[in-house]
Amino acid sequence: MDNIQWMYGHEPKSLPDEWKKRIQTMFLSETGEEYSLQSISDLLIPEWAGNMLLIDQKLYPAPESLLGLLWALPYETHGVRIAAFVLEAKHQSCGWGGKAWNHLVEISQNKGKISIQLEVKAENVRAQEFYKVRGLKVIRHLENYYKSGLGYEMKGSIEAPSK
């Protein structure tokens, strides 16, 4: 696994279409949600160190080298919003999500951010547990937010990463 690592900073619109197609496939297989290349390009995610791509260096620069991503953006005055967070199934529960989370928390704290929020599918209990362990709580039900129906808005304080 030494060949796998998080790369920081990339914004969605800067990625080649082949990579956006890889992202489409990943979201469809891992979340069941369909996104167009245009909707990926139109995400208002700035270039900053809070954005991460999980890359297999042995396969890079091929699109298949992309194993996961976390896209976040500064939100409101003191917050951060996660717009997208997905890992291929075979790379889940291996610590990659936790590493990305801890990095995002550190970067956000350095920018003076104190809260973090996101939306998650109601049926994605595994993701909700991941977020709950990190201090987020469901603050609102989002009817028909996802194609498959109910989503939750989750929010919490940005806390120091657990080592």
N, C-alpha and C. Protein backbone atom coordinates (compact mmCIF):
# COMPACT_ATOMS: atom_id res chain seq x y z
N MET A 1 0.82 -1.21 0.00
CA MET A 1 0.00 0.00 0.00
C MET A 1 0.86 1.26 0.00
N ASP A 2 2.19 1.12 -0.05
CA ASP A 2 3.07 2.29 -0.08
C ASP A 2 2.87 3.12 -1.34
N ASN A 3 2.30 2.51 -2.37
CA ASN A 3 2.10 3.22 -3.63
C ASN A 3 0.81 4.05 -3.63
N ILE A 4 0.00 3.94 -2.56
CA ILE A 4 -1.25 4.70 -2.48
C ILE A 4 -1.07 5.87 -1.53
N GLN A 5 -1.53 7.04 -1.98
CA GLN A 5 -1.43 8.23 -1.12
C GLN A 5 -2.46 9.27 -1.54
N TRP A 6 -2.75 10.16 -0.61
CA TRP A 6 -3.64 11.29 -0.89
C TRP A 6 -2.83 12.39 -1.56
N MET A 7 -3.38 12.98 -2.62
CA MET A 7 -2.82 14.17 -3.27
C MET A 7 -3.76 15.32 -2.93
N TYR A 8 -3.22 16.50 -2.70
CA TYR A 8 -4.00 17.63 -2.22
C TYR A 8 -4.16 18.72 -3.26
N GLY A 9 -5.30 19.43 -3.18
CA GLY A 9 -5.47 20.69 -3.88
C GLY A 9 -6.33 20.72 -5.11
N HIS A 10 -6.53 19.61 -5.80
CA HIS A 10 -7.21 19.65 -7.10
C HIS A 10 -8.68 20.03 -6.99
N GLU A 11 -9.10 20.87 -7.90
CA GLU A 11 -10.51 21.24 -7.99
C GLU A 11 -11.15 20.45 -9.14
N PRO A 12 -12.44 20.14 -9.05
CA PRO A 12 -13.08 19.30 -10.06
C PRO A 12 -12.93 19.80 -11.50
N LYS A 13 -13.10 21.11 -11.71
CA LYS A 13 -13.09 21.61 -13.09
C LYS A 13 -11.71 21.47 -13.75
N SER A 14 -10.65 21.28 -12.95
CA SER A 14 -9.31 21.17 -13.53
C SER A 14 -8.98 19.75 -14.00
N LEU A 15 -9.84 18.79 -13.69
CA LEU A 15 -9.56 17.40 -14.05
C LEU A 15 -9.94 17.11 -15.49
N PRO A 16 -9.15 16.25 -16.16
CA PRO A 16 -9.51 15.84 -17.53
C PRO A 16 -10.83 15.05 -17.52
N ASP A 17 -11.52 15.05 -18.66
CA ASP A 17 -12.79 14.35 -18.77
C ASP A 17 -12.66 12.86 -18.42
N GLU A 18 -11.54 12.24 -18.75
CA GLU A 18 -11.35 10.81 -18.44
C GLU A 18 -11.40 10.59 -16.92
N TRP A 19 -10.87 11.54 -16.18
CA TRP A 19 -10.90 11.44 -14.72
C TRP A 19 -12.31 11.70 -14.19
N LYS A 20 -13.02 12.63 -14.82
CA LYS A 20 -14.41 12.89 -14.41
C LYS A 20 -15.27 11.65 -14.67
N LYS A 21 -14.99 10.94 -15.78
CA LYS A 21 -15.72 9.70 -16.06
C LYS A 21 -15.43 8.66 -14.98
N ARG A 22 -14.20 8.61 -14.53
CA ARG A 22 -13.82 7.69 -13.45
C ARG A 22 -14.60 8.06 -12.17
N ILE A 23 -14.72 9.34 -11.90
CA ILE A 23 -15.48 9.82 -10.73
C ILE A 23 -16.95 9.44 -10.87
N GLN A 24 -17.51 9.61 -12.06
CA GLN A 24 -18.89 9.20 -12.32
C GLN A 24 -19.09 7.73 -11.96
N THR A 25 -18.20 6.90 -12.46
CA THR A 25 -18.29 5.45 -12.23
C THR A 25 -18.17 5.13 -10.75
N MET A 26 -17.25 5.79 -10.08
CA MET A 26 -17.04 5.54 -8.65
C MET A 26 -18.29 5.92 -7.84
N PHE A 27 -18.87 7.08 -8.13
CA PHE A 27 -20.07 7.49 -7.40
C PHE A 27 -21.24 6.56 -7.67
N LEU A 28 -21.39 6.15 -8.91
CA LEU A 28 -22.48 5.25 -9.24
C LEU A 28 -22.33 3.91 -8.52
N SER A 29 -21.12 3.35 -8.54
CA SER A 29 -20.92 2.04 -7.91
C SER A 29 -20.94 2.10 -6.39
N GLU A 30 -20.47 3.18 -5.79
CA GLU A 30 -20.38 3.25 -4.34
C GLU A 30 -21.57 3.91 -3.67
N THR A 31 -22.28 4.80 -4.39
CA THR A 31 -23.40 5.51 -3.77
C THR A 31 -24.73 5.30 -4.50
N GLY A 32 -24.66 4.82 -5.73
CA GLY A 32 -25.88 4.68 -6.52
C GLY A 32 -26.34 5.98 -7.15
N GLU A 33 -25.60 7.05 -6.95
CA GLU A 33 -25.97 8.36 -7.50
C GLU A 33 -25.28 8.58 -8.84
N GLU A 34 -26.03 9.16 -9.77
CA GLU A 34 -25.50 9.47 -11.10
C GLU A 34 -25.21 10.96 -11.21
N TYR A 35 -24.03 11.27 -11.73
CA TYR A 35 -23.63 12.65 -11.95
C TYR A 35 -23.13 12.79 -13.38
N SER A 36 -23.48 13.89 -14.02
CA SER A 36 -22.99 14.15 -15.37
C SER A 36 -21.58 14.76 -15.28
N LEU A 37 -20.86 14.68 -16.40
CA LEU A 37 -19.54 15.32 -16.44
C LEU A 37 -19.69 16.81 -16.14
N GLN A 38 -20.75 17.41 -16.66
CA GLN A 38 -20.96 18.84 -16.44
C GLN A 38 -21.22 19.14 -14.97
N SER A 39 -22.01 18.31 -14.31
CA SER A 39 -22.30 18.58 -12.89
C SER A 39 -21.03 18.44 -12.05
N ILE A 40 -20.14 17.54 -12.43
CA ILE A 40 -18.86 17.41 -11.73
C ILE A 40 -18.02 18.66 -11.97
N SER A 41 -17.96 19.10 -13.23
CA SER A 41 -17.19 20.30 -13.58
C SER A 41 -17.73 21.55 -12.90
N ASP A 42 -19.05 21.60 -12.71
CA ASP A 42 -19.69 22.80 -12.16
C ASP A 42 -19.64 22.90 -10.64
N LEU A 43 -19.13 21.87 -9.96
CA LEU A 43 -19.03 21.95 -8.50
C LEU A 43 -18.16 23.15 -8.13
N LEU A 44 -18.63 23.98 -7.24
CA LEU A 44 -17.91 25.19 -6.86
C LEU A 44 -16.89 24.88 -5.77
N ILE A 45 -15.98 24.00 -6.10
CA ILE A 45 -14.94 23.58 -5.17
C ILE A 45 -13.66 24.32 -5.53
N PRO A 46 -13.14 25.15 -4.63
CA PRO A 46 -11.92 25.89 -4.94
C PRO A 46 -10.69 25.00 -4.84
N GLU A 47 -9.62 25.45 -5.45
CA GLU A 47 -8.34 24.75 -5.30
C GLU A 47 -7.77 25.13 -3.93
N TRP A 48 -7.68 24.14 -3.05
CA TRP A 48 -7.07 24.34 -1.73
C TRP A 48 -6.71 22.99 -1.15
N ALA A 49 -5.95 22.96 -0.09
CA ALA A 49 -5.43 21.71 0.47
C ALA A 49 -6.51 20.86 1.13
N GLY A 50 -7.75 21.37 1.23
CA GLY A 50 -8.85 20.58 1.76
C GLY A 50 -9.43 19.61 0.75
N ASN A 51 -9.00 19.70 -0.49
CA ASN A 51 -9.44 18.77 -1.54
C ASN A 51 -8.40 17.67 -1.67
N MET A 52 -8.88 16.43 -1.78
CA MET A 52 -7.94 15.32 -1.83
C MET A 52 -8.38 14.27 -2.83
N LEU A 53 -7.40 13.70 -3.51
CA LEU A 53 -7.61 12.57 -4.40
C LEU A 53 -6.74 11.43 -3.90
N LEU A 54 -7.33 10.25 -3.71
CA LEU A 54 -6.58 9.07 -3.31
C LEU A 54 -6.07 8.40 -4.58
N ILE A 55 -4.76 8.34 -4.70
CA ILE A 55 -4.12 7.91 -5.95
C ILE A 55 -3.23 6.70 -5.72
N ASP A 56 -3.32 5.75 -6.64
CA ASP A 56 -2.38 4.64 -6.71
C ASP A 56 -1.26 5.09 -7.65
N GLN A 57 -0.10 5.39 -7.08
CA GLN A 57 1.01 5.94 -7.85
C GLN A 57 1.50 4.99 -8.95
N LYS A 58 1.30 3.69 -8.76
CA LYS A 58 1.72 2.72 -9.78
C LYS A 58 0.90 2.85 -11.06
N LEU A 59 -0.33 3.34 -10.94
CA LEU A 59 -1.21 3.47 -12.10
C LEU A 59 -1.28 4.90 -12.64
N TYR A 60 -0.79 5.86 -11.87
CA TYR A 60 -0.86 7.27 -12.25
C TYR A 60 -0.02 7.51 -13.50
N PRO A 61 -0.47 8.28 -14.49
CA PRO A 61 -1.60 9.21 -14.49
C PRO A 61 -2.90 8.66 -15.08
N ALA A 62 -3.00 7.37 -15.24
CA ALA A 62 -4.24 6.79 -15.78
C ALA A 62 -5.41 7.08 -14.84
N PRO A 63 -6.61 7.30 -15.37
CA PRO A 63 -7.78 7.56 -14.53
C PRO A 63 -8.03 6.45 -13.50
N GLU A 64 -7.65 5.22 -13.83
CA GLU A 64 -7.83 4.10 -12.90
C GLU A 64 -6.99 4.24 -11.64
N SER A 65 -6.06 5.18 -11.63
CA SER A 65 -5.25 5.41 -10.44
C SER A 65 -6.06 6.08 -9.33
N LEU A 66 -7.21 6.67 -9.70
CA LEU A 66 -8.06 7.35 -8.72
C LEU A 66 -8.87 6.32 -7.94
N LEU A 67 -8.65 6.27 -6.63
CA LEU A 67 -9.30 5.29 -5.76
C LEU A 67 -10.31 5.93 -4.82
N GLY A 68 -10.30 7.24 -4.73
CA GLY A 68 -11.23 7.94 -3.85
C GLY A 68 -11.01 9.44 -3.93
N LEU A 69 -11.93 10.18 -3.33
CA LEU A 69 -11.77 11.64 -3.31
C LEU A 69 -12.54 12.23 -2.14
N LEU A 70 -12.07 13.37 -1.72
CA LEU A 70 -12.78 14.20 -0.76
C LEU A 70 -12.69 15.62 -1.28
N TRP A 71 -13.85 16.21 -1.56
CA TRP A 71 -13.91 17.60 -1.98
C TRP A 71 -14.67 18.38 -0.93
N ALA A 72 -14.04 19.43 -0.46
CA ALA A 72 -14.65 20.28 0.57
C ALA A 72 -14.41 21.74 0.19
N LEU A 73 -15.17 22.61 0.83
CA LEU A 73 -14.98 24.02 0.56
C LEU A 73 -15.25 24.82 1.82
N PRO A 74 -14.54 25.94 1.97
CA PRO A 74 -14.88 26.84 3.06
C PRO A 74 -16.34 27.26 2.87
N TYR A 75 -17.07 27.30 3.98
CA TYR A 75 -18.51 27.51 3.91
C TYR A 75 -18.93 28.47 5.01
N GLU A 76 -19.69 29.49 4.62
CA GLU A 76 -20.08 30.52 5.54
C GLU A 76 -18.82 31.09 6.21
N THR A 77 -18.95 31.79 7.30
CA THR A 77 -17.79 32.46 7.88
C THR A 77 -16.82 31.50 8.55
N HIS A 78 -17.35 30.57 9.33
CA HIS A 78 -16.47 29.73 10.14
C HIS A 78 -16.63 28.24 9.87
N GLY A 79 -17.16 27.87 8.71
CA GLY A 79 -17.43 26.46 8.46
C GLY A 79 -16.75 25.90 7.23
N VAL A 80 -16.84 24.59 7.15
CA VAL A 80 -16.38 23.83 6.00
C VAL A 80 -17.52 22.90 5.61
N ARG A 81 -17.74 22.74 4.33
CA ARG A 81 -18.77 21.84 3.83
C ARG A 81 -18.12 20.78 2.95
N ILE A 82 -18.39 19.54 3.26
CA ILE A 82 -17.92 18.45 2.41
C ILE A 82 -18.95 18.27 1.30
N ALA A 83 -18.50 18.44 0.06
CA ALA A 83 -19.39 18.31 -1.09
C ALA A 83 -19.38 16.90 -1.65
N ALA A 84 -18.27 16.19 -1.50
CA ALA A 84 -18.16 14.83 -2.02
C ALA A 84 -17.07 14.08 -1.26
N PHE A 85 -17.38 12.85 -0.89
CA PHE A 85 -16.41 12.00 -0.18
C PHE A 85 -16.75 10.56 -0.55
N VAL A 86 -15.88 9.92 -1.29
CA VAL A 86 -16.13 8.55 -1.74
C VAL A 86 -14.82 7.79 -1.86
N LEU A 87 -14.85 6.54 -1.48
CA LEU A 87 -13.72 5.63 -1.66
C LEU A 87 -14.24 4.36 -2.33
N GLU A 88 -13.41 3.78 -3.22
CA GLU A 88 -13.76 2.48 -3.76
C GLU A 88 -13.96 1.52 -2.60
N ALA A 89 -14.89 0.60 -2.75
CA ALA A 89 -15.23 -0.34 -1.67
C ALA A 89 -14.01 -1.06 -1.12
N LYS A 90 -13.12 -1.50 -1.98
CA LYS A 90 -11.96 -2.27 -1.51
C LYS A 90 -10.96 -1.43 -0.71
N HIS A 91 -11.12 -0.12 -0.73
CA HIS A 91 -10.23 0.76 0.03
C HIS A 91 -10.92 1.37 1.25
N GLN A 92 -12.16 0.97 1.50
CA GLN A 92 -12.86 1.41 2.69
C GLN A 92 -12.43 0.55 3.87
N SER A 93 -12.52 1.11 5.05
CA SER A 93 -12.13 0.43 6.30
C SER A 93 -10.64 0.06 6.32
N CYS A 94 -9.85 0.84 5.61
CA CYS A 94 -8.39 0.63 5.58
C CYS A 94 -7.65 1.83 6.17
N GLY A 95 -8.40 2.82 6.69
CA GLY A 95 -7.79 4.00 7.28
C GLY A 95 -7.68 5.19 6.34
N TRP A 96 -8.00 5.01 5.07
CA TRP A 96 -7.86 6.12 4.11
C TRP A 96 -8.84 7.24 4.39
N GLY A 97 -10.07 6.90 4.73
CA GLY A 97 -11.07 7.93 5.05
C GLY A 97 -10.67 8.73 6.28
N GLY A 98 -10.19 8.04 7.30
CA GLY A 98 -9.74 8.70 8.52
C GLY A 98 -8.57 9.64 8.27
N LYS A 99 -7.63 9.21 7.42
CA LYS A 99 -6.49 10.07 7.09
C LYS A 99 -6.96 11.34 6.38
N ALA A 100 -7.89 11.18 5.44
CA ALA A 100 -8.41 12.35 4.73
C ALA A 100 -9.15 13.28 5.70
N TRP A 101 -9.96 12.68 6.57
CA TRP A 101 -10.71 13.48 7.56
C TRP A 101 -9.75 14.27 8.44
N ASN A 102 -8.74 13.61 8.98
CA ASN A 102 -7.79 14.28 9.87
C ASN A 102 -7.06 15.41 9.15
N HIS A 103 -6.71 15.20 7.89
CA HIS A 103 -6.05 16.25 7.12
C HIS A 103 -7.00 17.44 6.93
N LEU A 104 -8.25 17.14 6.58
CA LEU A 104 -9.23 18.22 6.39
C LEU A 104 -9.43 19.01 7.68
N VAL A 105 -9.51 18.32 8.80
CA VAL A 105 -9.67 18.99 10.08
C VAL A 105 -8.47 19.91 10.35
N GLU A 106 -7.27 19.41 10.14
CA GLU A 106 -6.07 20.22 10.38
C GLU A 106 -6.04 21.46 9.49
N ILE A 107 -6.29 21.28 8.21
CA ILE A 107 -6.30 22.41 7.27
C ILE A 107 -7.38 23.42 7.66
N SER A 108 -8.56 22.91 8.03
CA SER A 108 -9.68 23.78 8.40
C SER A 108 -9.38 24.57 9.66
N GLN A 109 -8.80 23.91 10.66
CA GLN A 109 -8.43 24.62 11.89
C GLN A 109 -7.42 25.72 11.60
N ASN A 110 -6.47 25.44 10.72
CA ASN A 110 -5.47 26.45 10.37
C ASN A 110 -6.09 27.66 9.69
N LYS A 111 -7.26 27.46 9.08
CA LYS A 111 -7.98 28.56 8.42
C LYS A 111 -9.01 29.20 9.34
N GLY A 112 -9.04 28.77 10.62
CA GLY A 112 -9.96 29.36 11.58
C GLY A 112 -11.38 28.83 11.52
N LYS A 113 -11.56 27.71 10.87
CA LYS A 113 -12.90 27.12 10.75
C LYS A 113 -13.23 26.34 12.02
N ILE A 114 -14.50 26.36 12.42
CA ILE A 114 -14.88 25.71 13.68
C ILE A 114 -15.99 24.67 13.51
N SER A 115 -16.62 24.62 12.32
CA SER A 115 -17.67 23.62 12.12
C SER A 115 -17.53 22.96 10.76
N ILE A 116 -18.12 21.79 10.66
CA ILE A 116 -18.08 21.03 9.41
C ILE A 116 -19.46 20.44 9.17
N GLN A 117 -19.89 20.45 7.92
CA GLN A 117 -21.20 19.89 7.61
C GLN A 117 -21.16 19.19 6.26
N LEU A 118 -22.18 18.35 6.04
CA LEU A 118 -22.27 17.57 4.81
C LEU A 118 -23.67 17.01 4.68
N GLU A 119 -23.94 16.40 3.54
CA GLU A 119 -25.18 15.69 3.31
C GLU A 119 -24.82 14.23 3.04
N VAL A 120 -25.65 13.32 3.53
CA VAL A 120 -25.40 11.89 3.36
C VAL A 120 -26.74 11.20 3.12
N LYS A 121 -26.70 10.14 2.31
CA LYS A 121 -27.92 9.38 2.06
C LYS A 121 -28.38 8.70 3.35
N ALA A 122 -29.68 8.71 3.58
CA ALA A 122 -30.24 8.09 4.79
C ALA A 122 -29.90 6.60 4.84
N GLU A 123 -29.83 5.96 3.69
CA GLU A 123 -29.54 4.51 3.66
C GLU A 123 -28.06 4.19 3.84
N ASN A 124 -27.20 5.21 3.81
CA ASN A 124 -25.76 4.98 3.95
C ASN A 124 -25.37 5.03 5.43
N VAL A 125 -25.76 4.00 6.15
CA VAL A 125 -25.53 3.93 7.59
C VAL A 125 -24.04 3.88 7.91
N ARG A 126 -23.28 3.21 7.09
CA ARG A 126 -21.84 3.09 7.32
C ARG A 126 -21.17 4.47 7.32
N ALA A 127 -21.52 5.30 6.35
CA ALA A 127 -20.96 6.65 6.30
C ALA A 127 -21.42 7.47 7.49
N GLN A 128 -22.69 7.34 7.85
CA GLN A 128 -23.20 8.09 9.00
C GLN A 128 -22.43 7.73 10.27
N GLU A 129 -22.13 6.45 10.46
CA GLU A 129 -21.36 6.02 11.63
C GLU A 129 -19.96 6.64 11.61
N PHE A 130 -19.34 6.66 10.44
CA PHE A 130 -18.02 7.28 10.28
C PHE A 130 -18.09 8.74 10.76
N TYR A 131 -19.10 9.47 10.34
CA TYR A 131 -19.24 10.88 10.72
C TYR A 131 -19.61 11.05 12.19
N LYS A 132 -20.46 10.19 12.70
CA LYS A 132 -20.86 10.29 14.11
C LYS A 132 -19.67 10.09 15.03
N VAL A 133 -18.80 9.15 14.70
CA VAL A 133 -17.59 8.92 15.49
C VAL A 133 -16.73 10.19 15.53
N ARG A 134 -16.84 11.00 14.51
CA ARG A 134 -16.06 12.22 14.40
C ARG A 134 -16.84 13.45 14.89
N GLY A 135 -17.94 13.21 15.58
CA GLY A 135 -18.65 14.29 16.26
C GLY A 135 -19.78 14.94 15.51
N LEU A 136 -20.13 14.46 14.32
CA LEU A 136 -21.24 15.06 13.58
C LEU A 136 -22.56 14.43 14.02
N LYS A 137 -23.61 15.24 13.92
CA LYS A 137 -24.95 14.79 14.27
C LYS A 137 -25.90 15.15 13.14
N VAL A 138 -26.94 14.35 12.99
CA VAL A 138 -27.99 14.67 12.02
C VAL A 138 -28.74 15.88 12.55
N ILE A 139 -28.78 16.94 11.75
CA ILE A 139 -29.49 18.15 12.18
C ILE A 139 -30.75 18.41 11.37
N ARG A 140 -30.88 17.70 10.23
CA ARG A 140 -32.06 17.93 9.40
C ARG A 140 -32.24 16.77 8.44
N HIS A 141 -33.51 16.41 8.20
CA HIS A 141 -33.86 15.42 7.18
C HIS A 141 -34.07 16.17 5.88
N LEU A 142 -33.55 15.62 4.79
CA LEU A 142 -33.64 16.26 3.48
C LEU A 142 -34.47 15.37 2.56
N GLU A 143 -35.76 15.64 2.49
CA GLU A 143 -36.66 14.84 1.64
C GLU A 143 -36.28 15.00 0.17
N ASN A 144 -36.21 13.90 -0.54
CA ASN A 144 -35.92 13.87 -1.98
C ASN A 144 -34.63 14.59 -2.36
N TYR A 145 -33.69 14.65 -1.44
CA TYR A 145 -32.40 15.29 -1.73
C TYR A 145 -31.61 14.46 -2.73
N TYR A 146 -31.68 13.15 -2.56
CA TYR A 146 -31.01 12.22 -3.46
C TYR A 146 -32.03 11.59 -4.39
N LYS A 147 -31.56 11.08 -5.51
CA LYS A 147 -32.43 10.41 -6.46
C LYS A 147 -33.22 9.29 -5.76
N SER A 148 -32.53 8.60 -4.84
CA SER A 148 -33.17 7.49 -4.13
C SER A 148 -34.03 7.95 -2.94
N GLY A 149 -34.05 9.25 -2.68
CA GLY A 149 -34.94 9.75 -1.63
C GLY A 149 -34.25 10.51 -0.52
N LEU A 150 -34.50 10.07 0.70
CA LEU A 150 -34.12 10.80 1.90
C LEU A 150 -32.61 10.93 2.09
N GLY A 151 -32.22 12.13 2.51
CA GLY A 151 -30.85 12.39 2.91
C GLY A 151 -30.87 13.06 4.26
N TYR A 152 -29.71 13.14 4.87
CA TYR A 152 -29.55 13.84 6.14
C TYR A 152 -28.49 14.91 6.00
N GLU A 153 -28.73 16.04 6.63
CA GLU A 153 -27.68 17.04 6.80
C GLU A 153 -27.05 16.75 8.15
N MET A 154 -25.73 16.62 8.16
CA MET A 154 -25.01 16.37 9.40
C MET A 154 -24.05 17.52 9.65
N LYS A 155 -23.86 17.86 10.92
CA LYS A 155 -23.01 18.99 11.26
C LYS A 155 -22.36 18.74 12.61
N GLY A 156 -21.17 19.30 12.79
CA GLY A 156 -20.49 19.19 14.07
C GLY A 156 -19.32 20.15 14.15
N SER A 157 -18.72 20.17 15.31
CA SER A 157 -17.55 21.01 15.54
C SER A 157 -16.32 20.35 14.93
N ILE A 158 -15.42 21.19 14.47
CA ILE A 158 -14.14 20.66 14.00
C ILE A 158 -13.28 20.46 15.22
N GLU A 159 -12.89 19.24 15.43
CA GLU A 159 -12.07 18.89 16.57
C GLU A 159 -10.73 18.35 16.10
N ALA A 160 -9.77 18.41 16.99
CA ALA A 160 -8.44 17.89 16.67
C ALA A 160 -8.52 16.42 16.30
N PRO A 161 -7.79 16.01 15.26
CA PRO A 161 -7.80 14.60 14.87
C PRO A 161 -7.31 13.70 15.98
N SER A 162 -7.94 12.53 16.09
CA SER A 162 -7.45 11.55 17.06
C SER A 162 -6.27 10.82 16.46
N LYS A 163 -5.26 10.64 17.23
CA LYS A 163 -4.01 10.03 16.72
C LYS A 163 -4.08 8.52 16.84
